[in-house]
Amino acid sequence: MDPSEVTNGEYLRFVVATRHPSPEHWVNGQFPLGQANDPVVLVTFDDAAAYCRFVNRRLPTVDEWKSNCEAGKLNKLGDIWEWTSTDVDVGGQTYKALCGPGNNCDCSHRYLPQWKNEVKGFRCSQDASPLAWLQLFTGQEINLAII
């Protein structure tokens, strides 16, 4: 998982490159002055997933988020809930699980994918390559010849 939430500055590069709509509180497509390193907020689940695809990543699952949080591997830039890819059925409707806020590992928040507000952001995750996992597991360097 990425060590911290996606920032306004990072999200701006995505907006400029893809012409994806910027968060509604940005003025003329620009985040507020002095907030480049703050977590981007007011993004839907689809906005967050599109950004992660843009950087060749994906949203984490609740299990990934919780295990990283419990291991102390999450840097929190802001006091926000974070989107995950985990679906939760609530009365026959599909919600997404959110994790956070602050320095706790709570993943009990449920939110419809199209909703957004000032305390919802995200971070991305990336699948480890099989060779990296094999090297980590064996503790040995792996040399492969391409024939």
N, C-alpha and C. Protein backbone atom coordinates (compact mmCIF):
# COMPACT_ATOMS: atom_id res chain seq x y z
N MET A 1 0.83 -1.19 0.00
CA MET A 1 0.00 0.00 0.00
C MET A 1 0.87 1.24 0.00
N ASP A 2 0.34 2.29 -0.60
CA ASP A 2 1.05 3.55 -0.54
C ASP A 2 1.14 4.01 0.91
N PRO A 3 2.22 4.66 1.29
CA PRO A 3 2.41 5.03 2.69
C PRO A 3 1.45 6.10 3.20
N SER A 4 0.88 6.91 2.30
CA SER A 4 -0.05 7.95 2.76
C SER A 4 -1.16 8.16 1.73
N GLU A 5 -2.09 9.00 2.11
CA GLU A 5 -3.21 9.30 1.23
C GLU A 5 -2.74 10.06 -0.01
N VAL A 6 -3.53 10.00 -1.05
CA VAL A 6 -3.26 10.77 -2.27
C VAL A 6 -3.48 12.25 -1.93
N THR A 7 -2.53 13.08 -2.32
CA THR A 7 -2.60 14.51 -2.00
C THR A 7 -3.27 15.30 -3.12
N ASN A 8 -3.62 16.54 -2.80
CA ASN A 8 -4.17 17.44 -3.81
C ASN A 8 -3.21 17.61 -4.98
N GLY A 9 -1.93 17.76 -4.68
CA GLY A 9 -0.93 17.94 -5.73
C GLY A 9 -0.85 16.74 -6.66
N GLU A 10 -0.88 15.54 -6.09
CA GLU A 10 -0.86 14.32 -6.91
C GLU A 10 -2.13 14.21 -7.75
N TYR A 11 -3.25 14.52 -7.13
CA TYR A 11 -4.54 14.41 -7.84
C TYR A 11 -4.63 15.44 -8.96
N LEU A 12 -4.03 16.61 -8.77
CA LEU A 12 -4.03 17.64 -9.81
C LEU A 12 -3.33 17.13 -11.07
N ARG A 13 -2.22 16.43 -10.92
CA ARG A 13 -1.53 15.86 -12.09
C ARG A 13 -2.45 14.92 -12.87
N PHE A 14 -3.23 14.12 -12.15
CA PHE A 14 -4.21 13.22 -12.76
C PHE A 14 -5.29 14.02 -13.49
N VAL A 15 -5.81 15.05 -12.85
CA VAL A 15 -6.86 15.89 -13.45
C VAL A 15 -6.36 16.53 -14.74
N VAL A 16 -5.16 17.08 -14.71
CA VAL A 16 -4.59 17.74 -15.88
C VAL A 16 -4.34 16.73 -17.01
N ALA A 17 -3.78 15.58 -16.67
CA ALA A 17 -3.43 14.58 -17.69
C ALA A 17 -4.64 13.92 -18.33
N THR A 18 -5.71 13.76 -17.56
CA THR A 18 -6.87 13.00 -18.06
C THR A 18 -8.11 13.85 -18.32
N ARG A 19 -8.06 15.10 -17.89
CA ARG A 19 -9.23 15.99 -17.94
C ARG A 19 -10.39 15.49 -17.09
N HIS A 20 -10.05 14.71 -16.08
CA HIS A 20 -11.04 14.24 -15.11
C HIS A 20 -11.52 15.47 -14.32
N PRO A 21 -12.79 15.54 -13.98
CA PRO A 21 -13.26 16.70 -13.20
C PRO A 21 -12.53 16.83 -11.86
N SER A 22 -12.22 18.05 -11.51
CA SER A 22 -11.56 18.29 -10.22
C SER A 22 -12.61 18.30 -9.11
N PRO A 23 -12.18 18.12 -7.85
CA PRO A 23 -13.13 18.20 -6.74
C PRO A 23 -13.86 19.55 -6.75
N GLU A 24 -15.10 19.53 -6.36
CA GLU A 24 -15.97 20.71 -6.50
C GLU A 24 -15.53 21.92 -5.69
N HIS A 25 -14.73 21.73 -4.65
CA HIS A 25 -14.29 22.88 -3.86
C HIS A 25 -13.04 23.55 -4.44
N TRP A 26 -12.43 22.93 -5.45
CA TRP A 26 -11.31 23.58 -6.14
C TRP A 26 -11.86 24.71 -7.00
N VAL A 27 -11.12 25.80 -7.08
CA VAL A 27 -11.55 26.94 -7.88
C VAL A 27 -10.77 26.95 -9.19
N ASN A 28 -11.50 26.98 -10.30
CA ASN A 28 -10.88 26.95 -11.63
C ASN A 28 -9.91 25.78 -11.79
N GLY A 29 -10.30 24.63 -11.24
CA GLY A 29 -9.49 23.43 -11.37
C GLY A 29 -8.25 23.40 -10.50
N GLN A 30 -8.15 24.29 -9.52
CA GLN A 30 -6.97 24.37 -8.64
C GLN A 30 -7.39 24.19 -7.18
N PHE A 31 -6.60 23.42 -6.44
CA PHE A 31 -6.87 23.24 -5.02
C PHE A 31 -6.55 24.53 -4.27
N PRO A 32 -7.09 24.69 -3.06
CA PRO A 32 -6.82 25.91 -2.29
C PRO A 32 -5.33 26.11 -2.01
N LEU A 33 -4.91 27.34 -2.02
CA LEU A 33 -3.51 27.72 -1.79
C LEU A 33 -3.00 27.10 -0.49
N GLY A 34 -1.81 26.54 -0.55
CA GLY A 34 -1.18 25.96 0.62
C GLY A 34 -1.65 24.56 0.96
N GLN A 35 -2.47 23.94 0.11
CA GLN A 35 -3.00 22.61 0.43
C GLN A 35 -2.50 21.52 -0.53
N ALA A 36 -1.37 21.73 -1.17
CA ALA A 36 -0.84 20.75 -2.12
C ALA A 36 -0.55 19.41 -1.45
N ASN A 37 -0.13 19.42 -0.20
CA ASN A 37 0.24 18.18 0.49
C ASN A 37 -0.85 17.65 1.41
N ASP A 38 -2.03 18.26 1.34
CA ASP A 38 -3.18 17.76 2.10
C ASP A 38 -3.83 16.63 1.31
N PRO A 39 -4.49 15.70 1.99
CA PRO A 39 -5.19 14.64 1.26
C PRO A 39 -6.30 15.23 0.39
N VAL A 40 -6.43 14.70 -0.82
CA VAL A 40 -7.54 15.12 -1.67
C VAL A 40 -8.83 14.58 -1.05
N VAL A 41 -9.87 15.40 -1.03
CA VAL A 41 -11.18 15.01 -0.49
C VAL A 41 -12.26 15.43 -1.48
N LEU A 42 -13.49 15.13 -1.15
CA LEU A 42 -14.64 15.39 -2.02
C LEU A 42 -14.50 14.64 -3.35
N VAL A 43 -14.06 13.38 -3.24
CA VAL A 43 -13.97 12.50 -4.40
C VAL A 43 -14.84 11.27 -4.15
N THR A 44 -15.49 10.79 -5.20
CA THR A 44 -16.31 9.59 -5.11
C THR A 44 -15.43 8.35 -5.17
N PHE A 45 -16.04 7.21 -4.94
CA PHE A 45 -15.33 5.95 -5.09
C PHE A 45 -14.80 5.83 -6.52
N ASP A 46 -15.62 6.18 -7.52
CA ASP A 46 -15.18 6.08 -8.91
C ASP A 46 -14.03 7.02 -9.22
N ASP A 47 -14.04 8.22 -8.64
CA ASP A 47 -12.91 9.15 -8.81
C ASP A 47 -11.63 8.53 -8.26
N ALA A 48 -11.73 7.97 -7.06
CA ALA A 48 -10.56 7.36 -6.41
C ALA A 48 -10.05 6.16 -7.22
N ALA A 49 -10.97 5.31 -7.67
CA ALA A 49 -10.56 4.14 -8.45
C ALA A 49 -9.92 4.56 -9.77
N ALA A 50 -10.45 5.61 -10.41
CA ALA A 50 -9.87 6.10 -11.68
C ALA A 50 -8.46 6.62 -11.46
N TYR A 51 -8.23 7.35 -10.37
CA TYR A 51 -6.88 7.83 -10.07
C TYR A 51 -5.93 6.64 -9.89
N CYS A 52 -6.35 5.67 -9.09
CA CYS A 52 -5.47 4.51 -8.84
C CYS A 52 -5.14 3.79 -10.14
N ARG A 53 -6.11 3.64 -11.03
CA ARG A 53 -5.81 3.01 -12.34
C ARG A 53 -4.81 3.85 -13.12
N PHE A 54 -4.94 5.17 -13.05
CA PHE A 54 -4.05 6.09 -13.75
C PHE A 54 -2.59 5.88 -13.33
N VAL A 55 -2.38 5.56 -12.07
CA VAL A 55 -1.01 5.34 -11.57
C VAL A 55 -0.68 3.85 -11.47
N ASN A 56 -1.43 3.04 -12.21
CA ASN A 56 -1.21 1.58 -12.26
C ASN A 56 -1.31 0.92 -10.89
N ARG A 57 -2.30 1.35 -10.13
CA ARG A 57 -2.57 0.77 -8.83
C ARG A 57 -4.07 0.51 -8.71
N ARG A 58 -4.51 0.19 -7.52
CA ARG A 58 -5.92 -0.06 -7.23
C ARG A 58 -6.19 0.39 -5.80
N LEU A 59 -7.45 0.48 -5.46
CA LEU A 59 -7.81 0.78 -4.07
C LEU A 59 -7.57 -0.47 -3.23
N PRO A 60 -7.14 -0.31 -2.00
CA PRO A 60 -6.90 -1.47 -1.13
C PRO A 60 -8.22 -2.09 -0.66
N THR A 61 -8.16 -3.34 -0.24
CA THR A 61 -9.29 -3.98 0.42
C THR A 61 -9.27 -3.57 1.89
N VAL A 62 -10.36 -3.82 2.59
CA VAL A 62 -10.41 -3.56 4.02
C VAL A 62 -9.33 -4.37 4.74
N ASP A 63 -9.17 -5.64 4.37
CA ASP A 63 -8.18 -6.49 5.04
C ASP A 63 -6.77 -5.94 4.86
N GLU A 64 -6.44 -5.48 3.65
CA GLU A 64 -5.11 -4.89 3.41
C GLU A 64 -4.93 -3.62 4.24
N TRP A 65 -5.94 -2.77 4.23
CA TRP A 65 -5.86 -1.51 4.94
C TRP A 65 -5.67 -1.76 6.43
N LYS A 66 -6.51 -2.65 6.99
CA LYS A 66 -6.43 -2.93 8.44
C LYS A 66 -5.08 -3.53 8.83
N SER A 67 -4.60 -4.49 8.04
CA SER A 67 -3.33 -5.13 8.42
C SER A 67 -2.18 -4.13 8.37
N ASN A 68 -2.17 -3.23 7.38
CA ASN A 68 -1.13 -2.20 7.33
C ASN A 68 -1.28 -1.22 8.47
N CYS A 69 -2.50 -0.87 8.80
CA CYS A 69 -2.76 0.06 9.90
C CYS A 69 -2.30 -0.55 11.22
N GLU A 70 -2.70 -1.79 11.46
CA GLU A 70 -2.35 -2.44 12.72
C GLU A 70 -0.84 -2.67 12.85
N ALA A 71 -0.14 -2.77 11.72
CA ALA A 71 1.32 -2.93 11.75
C ALA A 71 2.03 -1.58 11.82
N GLY A 72 1.27 -0.48 11.88
CA GLY A 72 1.87 0.85 11.97
C GLY A 72 2.49 1.34 10.69
N LYS A 73 2.02 0.83 9.54
CA LYS A 73 2.62 1.17 8.25
C LYS A 73 1.87 2.25 7.49
N LEU A 74 0.91 2.92 8.13
CA LEU A 74 0.14 3.95 7.43
C LEU A 74 0.47 5.33 7.99
N ASN A 75 0.95 6.20 7.12
CA ASN A 75 1.15 7.59 7.47
C ASN A 75 -0.17 8.30 7.18
N LYS A 76 -0.69 9.02 8.15
CA LYS A 76 -1.94 9.75 7.97
C LYS A 76 -1.64 11.24 7.85
N LEU A 77 -1.89 11.78 6.66
CA LEU A 77 -1.68 13.21 6.43
C LEU A 77 -2.85 14.04 6.96
N GLY A 78 -4.01 13.40 7.07
CA GLY A 78 -5.20 14.12 7.51
C GLY A 78 -6.12 13.22 8.30
N ASP A 79 -7.12 13.82 8.91
CA ASP A 79 -8.08 13.09 9.74
C ASP A 79 -9.27 12.72 8.85
N ILE A 80 -9.05 11.80 7.90
CA ILE A 80 -10.08 11.46 6.93
C ILE A 80 -10.34 9.95 6.91
N TRP A 81 -11.52 9.60 6.44
CA TRP A 81 -11.86 8.21 6.12
C TRP A 81 -11.32 7.94 4.73
N GLU A 82 -10.95 6.68 4.46
CA GLU A 82 -10.37 6.33 3.17
C GLU A 82 -11.19 5.25 2.47
N TRP A 83 -11.45 5.49 1.17
CA TRP A 83 -12.16 4.52 0.35
C TRP A 83 -11.39 3.21 0.29
N THR A 84 -12.11 2.09 0.28
CA THR A 84 -11.53 0.79 -0.03
C THR A 84 -12.33 0.16 -1.16
N SER A 85 -11.84 -0.93 -1.70
CA SER A 85 -12.54 -1.62 -2.77
C SER A 85 -13.56 -2.62 -2.25
N THR A 86 -13.67 -2.76 -0.94
CA THR A 86 -14.55 -3.77 -0.34
C THR A 86 -16.01 -3.36 -0.39
N ASP A 87 -16.82 -4.25 -0.99
CA ASP A 87 -18.27 -4.06 -1.05
C ASP A 87 -18.91 -4.56 0.24
N VAL A 88 -19.95 -3.86 0.69
CA VAL A 88 -20.71 -4.27 1.87
C VAL A 88 -22.19 -4.15 1.52
N ASP A 89 -22.92 -5.24 1.70
CA ASP A 89 -24.36 -5.23 1.44
C ASP A 89 -25.07 -4.68 2.66
N VAL A 90 -25.84 -3.62 2.46
CA VAL A 90 -26.63 -3.03 3.53
C VAL A 90 -28.06 -2.95 3.03
N GLY A 91 -28.89 -3.86 3.51
CA GLY A 91 -30.30 -3.86 3.11
C GLY A 91 -30.51 -4.04 1.62
N GLY A 92 -29.69 -4.84 0.99
CA GLY A 92 -29.83 -5.09 -0.45
C GLY A 92 -29.17 -4.07 -1.34
N GLN A 93 -28.53 -3.07 -0.75
CA GLN A 93 -27.82 -2.05 -1.53
C GLN A 93 -26.32 -2.19 -1.27
N THR A 94 -25.51 -2.00 -2.32
CA THR A 94 -24.06 -2.17 -2.20
C THR A 94 -23.40 -0.85 -1.80
N TYR A 95 -22.78 -0.87 -0.64
CA TYR A 95 -22.00 0.24 -0.12
C TYR A 95 -20.52 -0.13 -0.22
N LYS A 96 -19.66 0.83 -0.04
CA LYS A 96 -18.22 0.60 0.07
C LYS A 96 -17.81 0.83 1.52
N ALA A 97 -16.85 0.04 1.97
CA ALA A 97 -16.30 0.21 3.31
C ALA A 97 -15.21 1.27 3.27
N LEU A 98 -15.21 2.14 4.26
CA LEU A 98 -14.16 3.14 4.41
C LEU A 98 -13.43 2.89 5.71
N CYS A 99 -12.15 3.22 5.73
CA CYS A 99 -11.31 3.01 6.91
C CYS A 99 -10.70 4.32 7.37
N GLY A 100 -10.37 4.38 8.64
CA GLY A 100 -9.79 5.56 9.24
C GLY A 100 -10.69 6.01 10.36
N PRO A 101 -10.84 7.21 10.66
CA PRO A 101 -9.97 8.35 10.40
C PRO A 101 -8.87 8.42 11.45
N GLY A 102 -8.14 9.47 11.41
CA GLY A 102 -7.09 9.69 12.41
C GLY A 102 -6.13 8.53 12.51
N ASN A 103 -5.74 8.21 13.73
CA ASN A 103 -4.76 7.15 13.95
C ASN A 103 -5.39 5.86 14.43
N ASN A 104 -6.65 5.61 14.06
CA ASN A 104 -7.25 4.34 14.45
C ASN A 104 -7.43 3.46 13.22
N CYS A 105 -7.69 2.19 13.45
CA CYS A 105 -7.79 1.21 12.36
C CYS A 105 -9.24 0.77 12.14
N ASP A 106 -10.17 1.68 12.35
CA ASP A 106 -11.60 1.40 12.21
C ASP A 106 -11.99 1.33 10.73
N CYS A 107 -12.65 0.26 10.34
CA CYS A 107 -13.14 0.12 8.96
C CYS A 107 -14.65 -0.13 8.95
N SER A 108 -15.36 0.49 9.87
CA SER A 108 -16.79 0.24 10.02
C SER A 108 -17.67 1.20 9.23
N HIS A 109 -17.10 2.23 8.62
CA HIS A 109 -17.90 3.23 7.93
C HIS A 109 -18.37 2.70 6.58
N ARG A 110 -19.64 2.92 6.24
CA ARG A 110 -20.24 2.47 4.98
C ARG A 110 -20.74 3.69 4.23
N TYR A 111 -20.49 3.69 2.93
CA TYR A 111 -20.80 4.87 2.12
C TYR A 111 -21.16 4.42 0.72
N LEU A 112 -22.18 5.02 0.12
CA LEU A 112 -22.51 4.70 -1.26
C LEU A 112 -21.41 5.23 -2.18
N PRO A 113 -21.06 4.48 -3.23
CA PRO A 113 -19.93 4.86 -4.09
C PRO A 113 -20.01 6.26 -4.70
N GLN A 114 -21.20 6.75 -4.95
CA GLN A 114 -21.34 8.07 -5.59
C GLN A 114 -21.32 9.22 -4.59
N TRP A 115 -21.34 8.93 -3.31
CA TRP A 115 -21.29 9.98 -2.30
C TRP A 115 -19.87 10.50 -2.13
N LYS A 116 -19.77 11.74 -1.65
CA LYS A 116 -18.47 12.34 -1.35
C LYS A 116 -18.67 13.42 -0.29
N ASN A 117 -17.64 13.70 0.48
CA ASN A 117 -17.68 14.82 1.41
C ASN A 117 -16.26 15.22 1.82
N GLU A 118 -16.17 16.17 2.72
CA GLU A 118 -14.88 16.79 3.08
C GLU A 118 -13.96 15.90 3.90
N VAL A 119 -14.45 14.76 4.36
CA VAL A 119 -13.60 13.88 5.17
C VAL A 119 -13.45 12.49 4.54
N LYS A 120 -13.58 12.41 3.21
CA LYS A 120 -13.39 11.14 2.50
C LYS A 120 -12.29 11.32 1.48
N GLY A 121 -11.24 10.52 1.60
CA GLY A 121 -10.13 10.52 0.66
C GLY A 121 -9.75 9.09 0.34
N PHE A 122 -8.49 8.87 -0.03
CA PHE A 122 -8.07 7.51 -0.38
C PHE A 122 -6.56 7.41 -0.51
N ARG A 123 -6.08 6.19 -0.53
CA ARG A 123 -4.71 5.86 -0.90
C ARG A 123 -4.81 4.66 -1.83
N CYS A 124 -3.76 4.39 -2.55
CA CYS A 124 -3.76 3.28 -3.51
C CYS A 124 -2.91 2.13 -2.99
N SER A 125 -3.10 1.01 -3.63
CA SER A 125 -2.34 -0.19 -3.31
C SER A 125 -1.88 -0.82 -4.62
N GLN A 126 -0.86 -1.64 -4.53
CA GLN A 126 -0.34 -2.30 -5.72
C GLN A 126 -0.06 -3.75 -5.37
N ASP A 127 -0.40 -4.64 -6.28
CA ASP A 127 -0.09 -6.05 -6.08
C ASP A 127 1.41 -6.24 -6.19
N ALA A 128 1.96 -7.03 -5.29
CA ALA A 128 3.39 -7.36 -5.37
C ALA A 128 3.59 -8.36 -6.49
N SER A 129 4.69 -8.25 -7.17
CA SER A 129 4.97 -9.21 -8.24
C SER A 129 5.30 -10.56 -7.62
N PRO A 130 4.97 -11.66 -8.30
CA PRO A 130 5.26 -12.99 -7.75
C PRO A 130 6.75 -13.18 -7.42
N LEU A 131 7.65 -12.62 -8.24
CA LEU A 131 9.08 -12.79 -7.97
C LEU A 131 9.50 -12.06 -6.70
N ALA A 132 8.92 -10.89 -6.47
CA ALA A 132 9.23 -10.15 -5.25
C ALA A 132 8.78 -10.95 -4.02
N TRP A 133 7.61 -11.57 -4.12
CA TRP A 133 7.12 -12.39 -3.00
C TRP A 133 8.01 -13.61 -2.81
N LEU A 134 8.44 -14.24 -3.91
CA LEU A 134 9.31 -15.41 -3.82
C LEU A 134 10.64 -15.04 -3.18
N GLN A 135 11.21 -13.91 -3.59
CA GLN A 135 12.48 -13.46 -3.02
C GLN A 135 12.30 -13.15 -1.54
N LEU A 136 11.20 -12.50 -1.19
CA LEU A 136 10.93 -12.17 0.20
C LEU A 136 10.80 -13.45 1.03
N PHE A 137 10.10 -14.44 0.47
CA PHE A 137 9.87 -15.70 1.18
C PHE A 137 11.16 -16.50 1.35
N THR A 138 11.95 -16.60 0.29
CA THR A 138 13.17 -17.44 0.35
C THR A 138 14.36 -16.70 0.91
N GLY A 139 14.34 -15.38 0.83
CA GLY A 139 15.48 -14.59 1.28
C GLY A 139 16.66 -14.65 0.33
N GLN A 140 16.44 -15.16 -0.87
CA GLN A 140 17.54 -15.30 -1.82
C GLN A 140 17.24 -14.48 -3.07
N GLU A 141 18.31 -14.01 -3.69
CA GLU A 141 18.18 -13.29 -4.94
C GLU A 141 17.84 -14.29 -6.04
N ILE A 142 16.99 -13.89 -6.96
CA ILE A 142 16.55 -14.78 -8.03
C ILE A 142 17.06 -14.24 -9.36
N ASN A 143 17.76 -15.07 -10.11
CA ASN A 143 18.23 -14.70 -11.42
C ASN A 143 17.49 -15.53 -12.47
N LEU A 144 16.87 -14.84 -13.42
CA LEU A 144 16.14 -15.52 -14.48
C LEU A 144 16.79 -15.19 -15.81
N ALA A 145 16.96 -16.20 -16.61
CA ALA A 145 17.49 -15.98 -17.97
C ALA A 145 16.32 -16.02 -18.93
N ILE A 146 16.27 -15.07 -19.82
CA ILE A 146 15.23 -15.05 -20.85
C ILE A 146 15.79 -15.75 -22.06
N ILE A 147 15.11 -16.78 -22.49
CA ILE A 147 15.60 -17.58 -23.62
C ILE A 147 14.85 -17.19 -24.87
